[in-house]
């Protein structure tokens, strides 16, 4: 398990998996969006509609590029395999 924080643009400073760490298999990234929106000063319900967003995906080709963005608002989100 690894914990990282995103920068002001919502990105990590480095890939989540360093060279040699990527293996075929299933993965999960959990985005802690409740605290993110609260820190941004957004008025949220208690509890917030979205607090943690788990994104489960699989890596089949360890030589491919995997970019897993999360587009999120306090009330919905979408994710996809980016380039």
C-alpha atoms as a PDB file:
ATOM      1  CA  UNK A   1       0.000   0.000   0.000  1.00  0.00           C
ATOM      2  CA  UNK A   2       1.215   3.475  -0.857  1.00  0.00           C
ATOM      3  CA  UNK A   3      -0.123   6.898   0.138  1.00  0.00           C
ATOM      4  CA  UNK A   4       0.584   9.990  -1.944  1.00  0.00           C
ATOM      5  CA  UNK A   5      -0.895  13.469  -2.183  1.00  0.00           C
ATOM      6  CA  UNK A   6      -1.682  15.336  -5.360  1.00  0.00           C
ATOM      7  CA  UNK A   7      -0.279  18.740  -6.226  1.00  0.00           C
ATOM      8  CA  UNK A   8      -2.270  21.931  -6.894  1.00  0.00           C
ATOM      9  CA  UNK A   9      -3.163  20.592 -10.354  1.00  0.00           C
ATOM     10  CA  UNK A  10      -4.522  17.367  -8.862  1.00  0.00           C
ATOM     11  CA  UNK A  11      -1.637  15.245 -10.143  1.00  0.00           C
ATOM     12  CA  UNK A  12       0.992  13.209  -8.366  1.00  0.00           C
ATOM     13  CA  UNK A  13       4.568  14.426  -8.732  1.00  0.00           C
ATOM     14  CA  UNK A  14       5.756  10.957  -9.764  1.00  0.00           C
ATOM     15  CA  UNK A  15       4.094   7.843 -11.188  1.00  0.00           C
ATOM     16  CA  UNK A  16       2.361   5.752  -8.520  1.00  0.00           C
ATOM     17  CA  UNK A  17       4.332   2.730  -9.672  1.00  0.00           C
ATOM     18  CA  UNK A  18       8.046   3.249 -10.223  1.00  0.00           C
ATOM     19  CA  UNK A  19       9.897   1.475 -12.990  1.00  0.00           C
ATOM     20  CA  UNK A  20       9.994  -2.225 -12.196  1.00  0.00           C
ATOM     21  CA  UNK A  21       7.025  -2.081  -9.778  1.00  0.00           C
ATOM     22  CA  UNK A  22       4.308  -2.498 -12.408  1.00  0.00           C
ATOM     23  CA  UNK A  23       2.978  -6.048 -12.486  1.00  0.00           C
ATOM     24  CA  UNK A  24       0.058  -7.659 -14.296  1.00  0.00           C
ATOM     25  CA  UNK A  25      -2.941  -7.716 -12.027  1.00  0.00           C
ATOM     26  CA  UNK A  26      -5.747  -5.799 -10.409  1.00  0.00           C
ATOM     27  CA  UNK A  27      -5.215  -2.499  -8.654  1.00  0.00           C
ATOM     28  CA  UNK A  28      -7.219   0.029  -6.679  1.00  0.00           C
ATOM     29  CA  UNK A  29      -6.659   3.740  -6.192  1.00  0.00           C
ATOM     30  CA  UNK A  30      -8.768   5.398  -3.505  1.00  0.00           C
ATOM     31  CA  UNK A  31      -9.237   9.132  -3.951  1.00  0.00           C
ATOM     32  CA  UNK A  32     -10.108  10.931  -0.692  1.00  0.00           C
ATOM     33  CA  UNK A  33     -12.292  13.621  -2.242  1.00  0.00           C
ATOM     34  CA  UNK A  34     -14.271  14.645   0.864  1.00  0.00           C
ATOM     35  CA  UNK A  35     -11.237  16.107   2.624  1.00  0.00           C
ATOM     36  CA  UNK A  36     -10.068  17.623  -0.674  1.00  0.00           C
ATOM     37  CA  UNK A  37     -13.328  19.523  -1.184  1.00  0.00           C
ATOM     38  CA  UNK A  38     -13.503  20.521   2.495  1.00  0.00           C
ATOM     39  CA  UNK A  39      -9.964  21.942   2.329  1.00  0.00           C
ATOM     40  CA  UNK A  40     -10.999  23.881  -0.779  1.00  0.00           C
ATOM     41  CA  UNK A  41     -13.703  25.572   1.315  1.00  0.00           C
ATOM     42  CA  UNK A  42     -16.677  23.926  -0.383  1.00  0.00           C
ATOM     43  CA  UNK A  43     -19.843  23.608   1.667  1.00  0.00           C
ATOM     44  CA  UNK A  44     -20.519  19.886   2.042  1.00  0.00           C
ATOM     45  CA  UNK A  45     -23.251  17.878   3.699  1.00  0.00           C
ATOM     46  CA  UNK A  46     -22.342  15.883   6.800  1.00  0.00           C
ATOM     47  CA  UNK A  47     -21.498  13.238   5.763  1.00  0.00           C
ATOM     48  CA  UNK A  48     -20.522  14.400   2.268  1.00  0.00           C
ATOM     49  CA  UNK A  49     -22.210  12.718  -0.702  1.00  0.00           C
ATOM     50  CA  UNK A  50     -18.776  11.568  -1.937  1.00  0.00           C
ATOM     51  CA  UNK A  51     -16.009  11.034   0.583  1.00  0.00           C
ATOM     52  CA  UNK A  52     -13.778   8.306  -0.842  1.00  0.00           C
ATOM     53  CA  UNK A  53     -13.865   7.199  -4.486  1.00  0.00           C
ATOM     54  CA  UNK A  54     -12.280   3.790  -5.123  1.00  0.00           C
ATOM     55  CA  UNK A  55     -11.184   3.172  -8.714  1.00  0.00           C
ATOM     56  CA  UNK A  56     -10.473  -0.480  -9.523  1.00  0.00           C
ATOM     57  CA  UNK A  57      -8.655  -1.354 -12.733  1.00  0.00           C
ATOM     58  CA  UNK A  58      -6.391  -4.031 -14.201  1.00  0.00           C
ATOM     59  CA  UNK A  59      -2.973  -3.901 -15.810  1.00  0.00           C
ATOM     60  CA  UNK A  60      -2.578  -6.446 -18.584  1.00  0.00           C
ATOM     61  CA  UNK A  61       0.445  -5.026 -20.438  1.00  0.00           C
ATOM     62  CA  UNK A  62       3.260  -3.929 -18.145  1.00  0.00           C
ATOM     63  CA  UNK A  63       4.986  -2.186 -21.060  1.00  0.00           C
ATOM     64  CA  UNK A  64       1.984   0.061 -21.787  1.00  0.00           C
ATOM     65  CA  UNK A  65       1.305   3.504 -20.338  1.00  0.00           C
ATOM     66  CA  UNK A  66      -1.498   3.683 -17.771  1.00  0.00           C
ATOM     67  CA  UNK A  67      -2.907   7.052 -16.779  1.00  0.00           C
ATOM     68  CA  UNK A  68      -5.949   6.850 -14.470  1.00  0.00           C
ATOM     69  CA  UNK A  69      -7.521  10.297 -14.145  1.00  0.00           C
ATOM     70  CA  UNK A  70     -10.483  11.095 -11.933  1.00  0.00           C
ATOM     71  CA  UNK A  71     -12.754  13.979 -12.931  1.00  0.00           C
ATOM     72  CA  UNK A  72     -14.772  14.781  -9.840  1.00  0.00           C
ATOM     73  CA  UNK A  73     -17.263  17.192  -8.326  1.00  0.00           C
ATOM     74  CA  UNK A  74     -18.844  16.899  -4.868  1.00  0.00           C
ATOM     75  CA  UNK A  75     -21.746  15.029  -6.500  1.00  0.00           C
ATOM     76  CA  UNK A  76     -20.307  12.844  -9.262  1.00  0.00           C
ATOM     77  CA  UNK A  77     -17.208  11.527 -10.970  1.00  0.00           C
ATOM     78  CA  UNK A  78     -15.906   9.784 -14.072  1.00  0.00           C
ATOM     79  CA  UNK A  79     -12.673   7.942 -14.726  1.00  0.00           C
ATOM     80  CA  UNK A  80     -11.076   6.385 -17.793  1.00  0.00           C
ATOM     81  CA  UNK A  81      -7.768   5.091 -19.072  1.00  0.00           C
ATOM     82  CA  UNK A  82      -6.008   8.187 -20.278  1.00  0.00           C
ATOM     83  CA  UNK A  83      -3.003   8.515 -22.515  1.00  0.00           C
END
